Amino acid sequence: MEDYKYCPMCGSRLEWDFIEERDRQVCKSCGWINYLNPTPVVSCLVKNGKGELLLIRRGIEPCKGSWALPGGFIELNESLQEAGSRELREETGLSGKAGHLVGMEMQESRMYGTILTIGVEFAIESEDVSAGDDAAEARFFPGEELPEIPFSSQRKLVEEFLKSR
């Protein structure tokens, strides 16, 4: 996202250098290298008993008001499965158990830089959804009536999920 001006380790001014086949910021004093890595997020793919897909209407930016998969950032010291379960509960009120990995997709975000979206299938015990946290609404949609999803990474994961299951 944003370039550093000074080394976060020793405070020396950073310089640009070609390291490991990429232009990177480096500290010539202590050797620290600014590796820009993607931010991991989990997207929960959930079907109800009728085979309908669970979506949330986003209550916050980016894409406030649009439909998307439940999910969010993976916190430090949190597994992928824990993050998905937490986000699913926070945004839809549903408890879910992580299942198969659906896929991984990269996407650029103006707010967060490069995002690595990891899609995981979740099994739920109840279908009583209630929007919460940063979701304005949550409900199930038949596959042929899905609204537009603004995130290309999620669209690809939904396509993969619906065709393989």
N, C-alpha and C. Protein backbone atom coordinates (compact mmCIF):
# COMPACT_ATOMS: atom_id res chain seq x y z
N MET A 1 0.84 -1.18 0.00
CA MET A 1 0.00 0.00 0.00
C MET A 1 0.89 1.24 0.00
N GLU A 2 1.13 1.82 1.16
CA GLU A 2 1.91 3.04 1.23
C GLU A 2 3.37 2.71 1.53
N ASP A 3 4.26 3.46 0.88
CA ASP A 3 5.68 3.25 1.10
C ASP A 3 6.12 3.86 2.43
N TYR A 4 7.05 3.18 3.07
CA TYR A 4 7.68 3.74 4.26
C TYR A 4 8.75 4.74 3.81
N LYS A 5 9.06 5.70 4.67
CA LYS A 5 10.18 6.59 4.40
C LYS A 5 11.38 6.18 5.24
N TYR A 6 11.08 5.64 6.43
CA TYR A 6 12.14 5.27 7.37
C TYR A 6 11.96 3.83 7.82
N CYS A 7 13.04 3.20 8.15
CA CYS A 7 13.05 1.81 8.60
C CYS A 7 12.32 1.68 9.93
N PRO A 8 11.35 0.77 10.04
CA PRO A 8 10.65 0.58 11.30
C PRO A 8 11.50 -0.14 12.36
N MET A 9 12.66 -0.66 11.96
CA MET A 9 13.54 -1.35 12.90
C MET A 9 14.57 -0.41 13.52
N CYS A 10 15.21 0.41 12.67
CA CYS A 10 16.31 1.24 13.19
C CYS A 10 16.15 2.74 12.94
N GLY A 11 15.16 3.13 12.13
CA GLY A 11 14.90 4.54 11.89
C GLY A 11 15.69 5.17 10.77
N SER A 12 16.55 4.41 10.11
CA SER A 12 17.33 4.96 8.99
C SER A 12 16.42 5.17 7.77
N ARG A 13 16.84 6.05 6.89
CA ARG A 13 16.07 6.32 5.67
C ARG A 13 16.14 5.09 4.76
N LEU A 14 14.99 4.72 4.18
CA LEU A 14 14.93 3.58 3.28
C LEU A 14 15.28 4.00 1.86
N GLU A 15 15.80 3.04 1.11
CA GLU A 15 16.13 3.25 -0.29
C GLU A 15 15.50 2.14 -1.11
N TRP A 16 15.31 2.41 -2.39
CA TRP A 16 14.80 1.40 -3.30
C TRP A 16 15.96 0.61 -3.88
N ASP A 17 15.76 -0.72 -4.00
CA ASP A 17 16.78 -1.58 -4.57
C ASP A 17 16.08 -2.74 -5.27
N PHE A 18 16.76 -3.37 -6.22
CA PHE A 18 16.21 -4.52 -6.91
C PHE A 18 16.66 -5.77 -6.16
N ILE A 19 15.74 -6.39 -5.40
CA ILE A 19 16.05 -7.54 -4.55
C ILE A 19 15.09 -8.67 -4.88
N GLU A 20 15.63 -9.86 -5.08
CA GLU A 20 14.84 -11.05 -5.37
C GLU A 20 13.86 -10.80 -6.53
N GLU A 21 14.39 -10.19 -7.58
CA GLU A 21 13.68 -9.96 -8.83
C GLU A 21 12.52 -8.98 -8.73
N ARG A 22 12.56 -8.09 -7.70
CA ARG A 22 11.53 -7.06 -7.54
C ARG A 22 12.15 -5.79 -6.96
N ASP A 23 11.55 -4.65 -7.30
CA ASP A 23 11.92 -3.41 -6.64
C ASP A 23 11.31 -3.42 -5.24
N ARG A 24 12.16 -3.21 -4.23
CA ARG A 24 11.70 -3.23 -2.85
C ARG A 24 12.41 -2.12 -2.07
N GLN A 25 11.77 -1.67 -1.02
CA GLN A 25 12.43 -0.74 -0.11
C GLN A 25 13.31 -1.54 0.83
N VAL A 26 14.52 -1.01 1.08
CA VAL A 26 15.48 -1.70 1.92
C VAL A 26 16.21 -0.69 2.80
N CYS A 27 16.59 -1.15 3.98
CA CYS A 27 17.39 -0.33 4.88
C CYS A 27 18.85 -0.75 4.71
N LYS A 28 19.67 0.18 4.28
CA LYS A 28 21.09 -0.12 4.07
C LYS A 28 21.83 -0.22 5.40
N SER A 29 21.22 0.30 6.49
CA SER A 29 21.88 0.25 7.81
C SER A 29 21.72 -1.11 8.48
N CYS A 30 20.47 -1.61 8.56
CA CYS A 30 20.25 -2.87 9.30
C CYS A 30 19.85 -4.04 8.41
N GLY A 31 19.55 -3.78 7.13
CA GLY A 31 19.23 -4.86 6.21
C GLY A 31 17.75 -5.21 6.11
N TRP A 32 16.88 -4.50 6.84
CA TRP A 32 15.44 -4.78 6.78
C TRP A 32 14.93 -4.55 5.37
N ILE A 33 14.06 -5.45 4.89
CA ILE A 33 13.47 -5.35 3.56
C ILE A 33 11.96 -5.23 3.72
N ASN A 34 11.37 -4.29 3.01
CA ASN A 34 9.92 -4.10 3.05
C ASN A 34 9.26 -5.04 2.04
N TYR A 35 8.88 -6.23 2.51
CA TYR A 35 8.17 -7.18 1.67
C TYR A 35 6.69 -6.83 1.72
N LEU A 36 6.10 -6.54 0.58
CA LEU A 36 4.67 -6.25 0.53
C LEU A 36 3.93 -7.55 0.22
N ASN A 37 3.13 -7.99 1.18
CA ASN A 37 2.43 -9.26 1.06
C ASN A 37 0.93 -9.04 1.02
N PRO A 38 0.19 -9.97 0.43
CA PRO A 38 -1.26 -9.82 0.39
C PRO A 38 -1.88 -9.97 1.78
N THR A 39 -3.03 -9.36 1.94
CA THR A 39 -3.79 -9.46 3.19
C THR A 39 -4.78 -10.62 3.05
N PRO A 40 -4.73 -11.62 3.94
CA PRO A 40 -5.64 -12.77 3.82
C PRO A 40 -7.02 -12.49 4.41
N VAL A 41 -8.05 -12.86 3.64
CA VAL A 41 -9.43 -12.81 4.11
C VAL A 41 -10.08 -14.15 3.83
N VAL A 42 -11.10 -14.46 4.61
CA VAL A 42 -11.86 -15.68 4.40
C VAL A 42 -13.25 -15.32 3.90
N SER A 43 -13.74 -16.08 2.93
CA SER A 43 -15.11 -15.96 2.44
C SER A 43 -15.81 -17.28 2.71
N CYS A 44 -16.99 -17.18 3.35
CA CYS A 44 -17.74 -18.37 3.75
C CYS A 44 -18.77 -18.71 2.69
N LEU A 45 -18.71 -19.93 2.19
CA LEU A 45 -19.68 -20.40 1.20
C LEU A 45 -20.61 -21.39 1.89
N VAL A 46 -21.88 -21.00 1.99
CA VAL A 46 -22.87 -21.73 2.77
C VAL A 46 -24.12 -21.96 1.93
N LYS A 47 -24.58 -23.20 1.88
CA LYS A 47 -25.86 -23.53 1.24
C LYS A 47 -26.85 -23.97 2.31
N ASN A 48 -28.12 -23.66 2.08
CA ASN A 48 -29.16 -24.17 2.97
C ASN A 48 -29.69 -25.49 2.43
N GLY A 49 -30.73 -26.03 3.06
CA GLY A 49 -31.31 -27.31 2.66
C GLY A 49 -31.87 -27.32 1.25
N LYS A 50 -32.23 -26.16 0.72
CA LYS A 50 -32.76 -26.06 -0.64
C LYS A 50 -31.65 -25.85 -1.67
N GLY A 51 -30.40 -25.78 -1.22
CA GLY A 51 -29.28 -25.55 -2.12
C GLY A 51 -29.06 -24.09 -2.45
N GLU A 52 -29.68 -23.19 -1.69
CA GLU A 52 -29.52 -21.76 -1.93
C GLU A 52 -28.25 -21.25 -1.24
N LEU A 53 -27.66 -20.21 -1.79
CA LEU A 53 -26.39 -19.65 -1.30
C LEU A 53 -26.64 -18.47 -0.37
N LEU A 54 -25.92 -18.46 0.74
CA LEU A 54 -26.02 -17.39 1.72
C LEU A 54 -25.18 -16.19 1.30
N LEU A 55 -25.81 -15.00 1.28
CA LEU A 55 -25.12 -13.75 1.00
C LEU A 55 -25.50 -12.72 2.05
N ILE A 56 -24.64 -11.72 2.20
CA ILE A 56 -24.94 -10.59 3.09
C ILE A 56 -24.94 -9.32 2.26
N ARG A 57 -25.77 -8.36 2.67
CA ARG A 57 -25.70 -7.02 2.07
C ARG A 57 -24.75 -6.22 2.94
N ARG A 58 -23.70 -5.70 2.32
CA ARG A 58 -22.65 -5.00 3.06
C ARG A 58 -23.18 -3.71 3.68
N GLY A 59 -22.87 -3.54 4.97
CA GLY A 59 -23.27 -2.34 5.69
C GLY A 59 -22.16 -1.31 5.77
N ILE A 60 -20.98 -1.65 5.28
CA ILE A 60 -19.84 -0.74 5.32
C ILE A 60 -19.10 -0.78 3.99
N GLU A 61 -18.24 0.20 3.78
CA GLU A 61 -17.38 0.22 2.58
C GLU A 61 -16.27 -0.82 2.77
N PRO A 62 -15.72 -1.37 1.73
CA PRO A 62 -16.02 -1.06 0.35
C PRO A 62 -17.32 -1.72 -0.14
N CYS A 63 -17.93 -1.09 -1.11
CA CYS A 63 -19.13 -1.61 -1.77
C CYS A 63 -20.33 -1.71 -0.84
N LYS A 64 -20.48 -0.72 0.03
CA LYS A 64 -21.62 -0.67 0.95
C LYS A 64 -22.91 -0.78 0.14
N GLY A 65 -23.83 -1.62 0.63
CA GLY A 65 -25.12 -1.82 -0.03
C GLY A 65 -25.13 -2.96 -1.04
N SER A 66 -23.97 -3.47 -1.41
CA SER A 66 -23.88 -4.58 -2.36
C SER A 66 -23.95 -5.91 -1.64
N TRP A 67 -24.31 -6.94 -2.39
CA TRP A 67 -24.34 -8.29 -1.83
C TRP A 67 -22.97 -8.93 -1.96
N ALA A 68 -22.60 -9.75 -0.98
CA ALA A 68 -21.29 -10.41 -0.95
C ALA A 68 -21.39 -11.66 -0.09
N LEU A 69 -20.34 -12.45 -0.14
CA LEU A 69 -20.25 -13.60 0.75
C LEU A 69 -19.93 -13.11 2.17
N PRO A 70 -20.44 -13.81 3.18
CA PRO A 70 -20.00 -13.47 4.54
C PRO A 70 -18.51 -13.76 4.67
N GLY A 71 -17.83 -12.96 5.45
CA GLY A 71 -16.40 -13.19 5.65
C GLY A 71 -15.69 -11.93 6.05
N GLY A 72 -14.37 -12.04 6.16
CA GLY A 72 -13.58 -10.88 6.53
C GLY A 72 -12.13 -11.26 6.79
N PHE A 73 -11.45 -10.33 7.41
CA PHE A 73 -10.01 -10.49 7.67
C PHE A 73 -9.73 -11.61 8.66
N ILE A 74 -8.64 -12.31 8.43
CA ILE A 74 -8.15 -13.32 9.36
C ILE A 74 -7.27 -12.58 10.36
N GLU A 75 -7.63 -12.67 11.63
CA GLU A 75 -6.89 -11.97 12.69
C GLU A 75 -5.61 -12.73 13.04
N LEU A 76 -4.67 -12.03 13.68
CA LEU A 76 -3.47 -12.69 14.17
C LEU A 76 -3.83 -13.80 15.15
N ASN A 77 -3.09 -14.88 15.11
CA ASN A 77 -3.29 -16.03 16.00
C ASN A 77 -4.67 -16.66 15.84
N GLU A 78 -5.25 -16.54 14.66
CA GLU A 78 -6.56 -17.12 14.38
C GLU A 78 -6.42 -18.01 13.15
N SER A 79 -6.94 -19.22 13.21
CA SER A 79 -6.87 -20.09 12.04
C SER A 79 -7.90 -19.64 11.01
N LEU A 80 -7.74 -20.13 9.82
CA LEU A 80 -8.68 -19.85 8.74
C LEU A 80 -10.09 -20.28 9.16
N GLN A 81 -10.19 -21.46 9.75
CA GLN A 81 -11.48 -21.99 10.17
C GLN A 81 -12.10 -21.14 11.28
N GLU A 82 -11.28 -20.72 12.24
CA GLU A 82 -11.77 -19.87 13.33
C GLU A 82 -12.26 -18.53 12.80
N ALA A 83 -11.50 -17.95 11.87
CA ALA A 83 -11.89 -16.66 11.29
C ALA A 83 -13.22 -16.79 10.55
N GLY A 84 -13.35 -17.84 9.76
CA GLY A 84 -14.60 -18.05 9.02
C GLY A 84 -15.78 -18.25 9.95
N SER A 85 -15.61 -19.06 10.97
CA SER A 85 -16.69 -19.28 11.95
C SER A 85 -17.07 -17.99 12.65
N ARG A 86 -16.07 -17.21 13.03
CA ARG A 86 -16.33 -15.93 13.72
C ARG A 86 -17.08 -14.97 12.80
N GLU A 87 -16.59 -14.80 11.58
CA GLU A 87 -17.22 -13.88 10.64
C GLU A 87 -18.65 -14.33 10.29
N LEU A 88 -18.85 -15.61 10.09
CA LEU A 88 -20.18 -16.14 9.79
C LEU A 88 -21.15 -15.82 10.93
N ARG A 89 -20.72 -16.05 12.15
CA ARG A 89 -21.55 -15.78 13.34
C ARG A 89 -21.83 -14.29 13.48
N GLU A 90 -20.78 -13.46 13.32
CA GLU A 90 -20.93 -12.02 13.48
C GLU A 90 -21.86 -11.42 12.42
N GLU A 91 -21.76 -11.87 11.19
CA GLU A 91 -22.51 -11.25 10.10
C GLU A 91 -23.87 -11.86 9.84
N THR A 92 -24.09 -13.12 10.25
CA THR A 92 -25.36 -13.78 9.93
C THR A 92 -26.05 -14.40 11.13
N GLY A 93 -25.38 -14.47 12.27
CA GLY A 93 -25.95 -15.12 13.44
C GLY A 93 -25.90 -16.63 13.38
N LEU A 94 -25.30 -17.20 12.35
CA LEU A 94 -25.25 -18.65 12.18
C LEU A 94 -23.95 -19.24 12.71
N SER A 95 -24.07 -20.41 13.32
CA SER A 95 -22.89 -21.18 13.70
C SER A 95 -22.60 -22.15 12.56
N GLY A 96 -21.33 -22.26 12.22
CA GLY A 96 -20.98 -23.13 11.12
C GLY A 96 -19.69 -23.88 11.37
N LYS A 97 -19.59 -25.02 10.71
CA LYS A 97 -18.38 -25.83 10.81
C LYS A 97 -17.68 -25.80 9.45
N ALA A 98 -16.39 -25.45 9.48
CA ALA A 98 -15.62 -25.37 8.24
C ALA A 98 -15.49 -26.72 7.59
N GLY A 99 -15.61 -26.73 6.27
CA GLY A 99 -15.46 -27.94 5.48
C GLY A 99 -14.34 -27.79 4.47
N HIS A 100 -14.66 -28.10 3.24
CA HIS A 100 -13.65 -28.10 2.17
C HIS A 100 -13.21 -26.69 1.77
N LEU A 101 -11.97 -26.62 1.34
CA LEU A 101 -11.43 -25.41 0.73
C LEU A 101 -12.02 -25.33 -0.68
N VAL A 102 -12.66 -24.22 -1.00
CA VAL A 102 -13.26 -24.04 -2.32
C VAL A 102 -12.22 -23.50 -3.29
N GLY A 103 -11.38 -22.58 -2.83
CA GLY A 103 -10.36 -22.02 -3.69
C GLY A 103 -9.75 -20.78 -3.09
N MET A 104 -8.79 -20.20 -3.83
CA MET A 104 -8.13 -18.96 -3.42
C MET A 104 -8.03 -18.06 -4.63
N GLU A 105 -8.33 -16.79 -4.43
CA GLU A 105 -8.29 -15.81 -5.51
C GLU A 105 -7.64 -14.52 -5.01
N MET A 106 -6.88 -13.87 -5.87
CA MET A 106 -6.26 -12.59 -5.55
C MET A 106 -7.09 -11.47 -6.16
N GLN A 107 -7.10 -10.34 -5.46
CA GLN A 107 -7.81 -9.17 -5.95
C GLN A 107 -7.17 -7.91 -5.40
N GLU A 108 -7.14 -6.86 -6.20
CA GLU A 108 -6.63 -5.57 -5.73
C GLU A 108 -7.76 -4.78 -5.09
N SER A 109 -7.43 -4.07 -4.02
CA SER A 109 -8.38 -3.24 -3.30
C SER A 109 -7.78 -1.86 -3.10
N ARG A 110 -8.54 -0.83 -3.40
CA ARG A 110 -8.04 0.53 -3.18
C ARG A 110 -7.83 0.80 -1.69
N MET A 111 -8.63 0.15 -0.85
CA MET A 111 -8.53 0.38 0.60
C MET A 111 -7.44 -0.45 1.27
N TYR A 112 -7.21 -1.68 0.78
CA TYR A 112 -6.35 -2.61 1.51
C TYR A 112 -5.18 -3.17 0.71
N GLY A 113 -4.98 -2.74 -0.51
CA GLY A 113 -3.90 -3.30 -1.32
C GLY A 113 -4.31 -4.63 -1.92
N THR A 114 -3.38 -5.57 -1.99
CA THR A 114 -3.67 -6.88 -2.55
C THR A 114 -4.31 -7.77 -1.49
N ILE A 115 -5.45 -8.34 -1.86
CA ILE A 115 -6.22 -9.21 -0.96
C ILE A 115 -6.12 -10.64 -1.47
N LEU A 116 -5.85 -11.58 -0.59
CA LEU A 116 -5.90 -13.00 -0.90
C LEU A 116 -7.19 -13.54 -0.28
N THR A 117 -8.18 -13.82 -1.11
CA THR A 117 -9.47 -14.31 -0.64
C THR A 117 -9.46 -15.83 -0.65
N ILE A 118 -9.71 -16.42 0.51
CA ILE A 118 -9.71 -17.88 0.66
C ILE A 118 -11.15 -18.31 0.91
N GLY A 119 -11.70 -19.07 -0.03
CA GLY A 119 -13.08 -19.53 0.08
C GLY A 119 -13.16 -20.88 0.76
N VAL A 120 -14.01 -20.95 1.79
CA VAL A 120 -14.18 -22.19 2.55
C VAL A 120 -15.67 -22.51 2.65
N GLU A 121 -16.00 -23.77 2.41
CA GLU A 121 -17.38 -24.23 2.57
C GLU A 121 -17.68 -24.40 4.06
N PHE A 122 -18.86 -23.95 4.47
CA PHE A 122 -19.29 -24.11 5.86
C PHE A 122 -20.62 -24.84 5.91
N ALA A 123 -20.75 -25.78 6.85
CA ALA A 123 -22.01 -26.48 7.11
C ALA A 123 -22.66 -25.80 8.31
N ILE A 124 -23.96 -25.58 8.22
CA ILE A 124 -24.69 -24.91 9.29
C ILE A 124 -25.76 -25.83 9.86
N GLU A 125 -26.11 -25.62 11.12
CA GLU A 125 -27.14 -26.42 11.78
C GLU A 125 -28.51 -25.77 11.64
N SER A 126 -28.57 -24.45 11.67
CA SER A 126 -29.81 -23.70 11.60
C SER A 126 -29.76 -22.79 10.38
N GLU A 127 -30.92 -22.46 9.84
CA GLU A 127 -31.00 -21.55 8.70
C GLU A 127 -31.62 -20.22 9.10
N ASP A 128 -31.73 -19.95 10.40
CA ASP A 128 -32.32 -18.72 10.91
C ASP A 128 -31.27 -17.61 10.91
N VAL A 129 -31.19 -16.88 9.80
CA VAL A 129 -30.19 -15.83 9.67
C VAL A 129 -30.69 -14.53 10.28
N SER A 130 -29.74 -13.79 10.83
CA SER A 130 -30.03 -12.45 11.34
C SER A 130 -28.78 -11.60 11.12
N ALA A 131 -28.92 -10.55 10.32
CA ALA A 131 -27.79 -9.71 9.99
C ALA A 131 -27.22 -9.07 11.25
N GLY A 132 -25.91 -8.97 11.29
CA GLY A 132 -25.24 -8.35 12.42
C GLY A 132 -23.91 -7.79 12.00
N ASP A 133 -23.20 -7.20 12.94
CA ASP A 133 -21.86 -6.63 12.72
C ASP A 133 -21.91 -5.64 11.56
N ASP A 134 -21.16 -5.88 10.49
CA ASP A 134 -21.12 -4.95 9.37
C ASP A 134 -22.02 -5.38 8.21
N ALA A 135 -22.96 -6.28 8.46
CA ALA A 135 -23.93 -6.71 7.45
C ALA A 135 -25.27 -6.02 7.70
N ALA A 136 -25.83 -5.42 6.65
CA ALA A 136 -27.12 -4.75 6.76
C ALA A 136 -28.27 -5.74 6.59
N GLU A 137 -27.99 -6.86 5.92
CA GLU A 137 -29.01 -7.87 5.64
C GLU A 137 -28.29 -9.18 5.35
N ALA A 138 -28.96 -10.29 5.58
CA ALA A 138 -28.41 -11.61 5.26
C ALA A 138 -29.56 -12.50 4.82
N ARG A 139 -29.35 -13.22 3.70
CA ARG A 139 -30.38 -14.16 3.26
C ARG A 139 -29.83 -15.13 2.23
N PHE A 140 -30.61 -16.17 1.98
CA PHE A 140 -30.25 -17.20 1.01
C PHE A 140 -30.86 -16.86 -0.35
N PHE A 141 -30.09 -17.15 -1.42
CA PHE A 141 -30.53 -16.92 -2.80
C PHE A 141 -30.41 -18.20 -3.60
N PRO A 142 -31.41 -18.51 -4.45
CA PRO A 142 -31.24 -19.60 -5.41
C PRO A 142 -30.10 -19.25 -6.37
N GLY A 143 -29.36 -20.25 -6.81
CA GLY A 143 -28.21 -20.03 -7.68
C GLY A 143 -28.52 -19.24 -8.94
N GLU A 144 -29.71 -19.44 -9.49
CA GLU A 144 -30.07 -18.74 -10.73
C GLU A 144 -30.59 -17.32 -10.47
N GLU A 145 -30.70 -16.91 -9.20
CA GLU A 145 -31.20 -15.57 -8.86
C GLU A 145 -30.20 -14.78 -8.02
N LEU A 146 -28.93 -15.09 -8.15
CA LEU A 146 -27.92 -14.39 -7.36
C LEU A 146 -27.81 -12.93 -7.81
N PRO A 147 -27.75 -12.00 -6.87
CA PRO A 147 -27.51 -10.61 -7.24
C PRO A 147 -26.05 -10.43 -7.66
N GLU A 148 -25.77 -9.26 -8.23
CA GLU A 148 -24.39 -8.95 -8.64
C GLU A 148 -23.50 -8.86 -7.40
N ILE A 149 -22.36 -9.53 -7.44
CA ILE A 149 -21.35 -9.47 -6.38
C ILE A 149 -20.20 -8.64 -6.92
N PRO A 150 -19.86 -7.52 -6.27
CA PRO A 150 -18.86 -6.60 -6.83
C PRO A 150 -17.42 -7.08 -6.77
N PHE A 151 -17.13 -8.07 -5.94
CA PHE A 151 -15.75 -8.53 -5.77
C PHE A 151 -15.46 -9.69 -6.72
N SER A 152 -14.51 -9.48 -7.64
CA SER A 152 -14.19 -10.52 -8.63
C SER A 152 -13.73 -11.81 -7.97
N SER A 153 -12.99 -11.71 -6.88
CA SER A 153 -12.51 -12.91 -6.19
C SER A 153 -13.68 -13.74 -5.68
N GLN A 154 -14.68 -13.08 -5.11
CA GLN A 154 -15.85 -13.80 -4.60
C GLN A 154 -16.70 -14.37 -5.74
N ARG A 155 -16.83 -13.63 -6.84
CA ARG A 155 -17.59 -14.15 -7.98
C ARG A 155 -16.98 -15.46 -8.48
N LYS A 156 -15.65 -15.51 -8.56
CA LYS A 156 -14.97 -16.73 -9.02
C LYS A 156 -15.19 -17.88 -8.04
N LEU A 157 -15.13 -17.57 -6.74
CA LEU A 157 -15.33 -18.62 -5.74
C LEU A 157 -16.76 -19.15 -5.77
N VAL A 158 -17.73 -18.26 -5.92
CA VAL A 158 -19.13 -18.67 -6.02
C VAL A 158 -19.33 -19.58 -7.24
N GLU A 159 -18.77 -19.18 -8.38
CA GLU A 159 -18.88 -19.98 -9.59
C GLU A 159 -18.31 -21.39 -9.37
N GLU A 160 -17.13 -21.46 -8.78
CA GLU A 160 -16.50 -22.75 -8.51
C GLU A 160 -17.34 -23.59 -7.54
N PHE A 161 -17.83 -22.94 -6.51
CA PHE A 161 -18.62 -23.62 -5.47
C PHE A 161 -19.91 -24.19 -6.05
N LEU A 162 -20.61 -23.40 -6.83
CA LEU A 162 -21.90 -23.84 -7.37
C LEU A 162 -21.75 -24.93 -8.43
N LYS A 163 -20.67 -24.90 -9.19
CA LYS A 163 -20.52 -25.92 -10.23
C LYS A 163 -19.98 -27.25 -9.67
N SER A 164 -19.26 -27.18 -8.54
CA SER A 164 -18.65 -28.41 -8.01
C SER A 164 -19.48 -29.08 -6.93
N ARG A 165 -20.51 -28.43 -6.43
CA ARG A 165 -21.27 -29.01 -5.32
C ARG A 165 -22.73 -29.01 -5.62
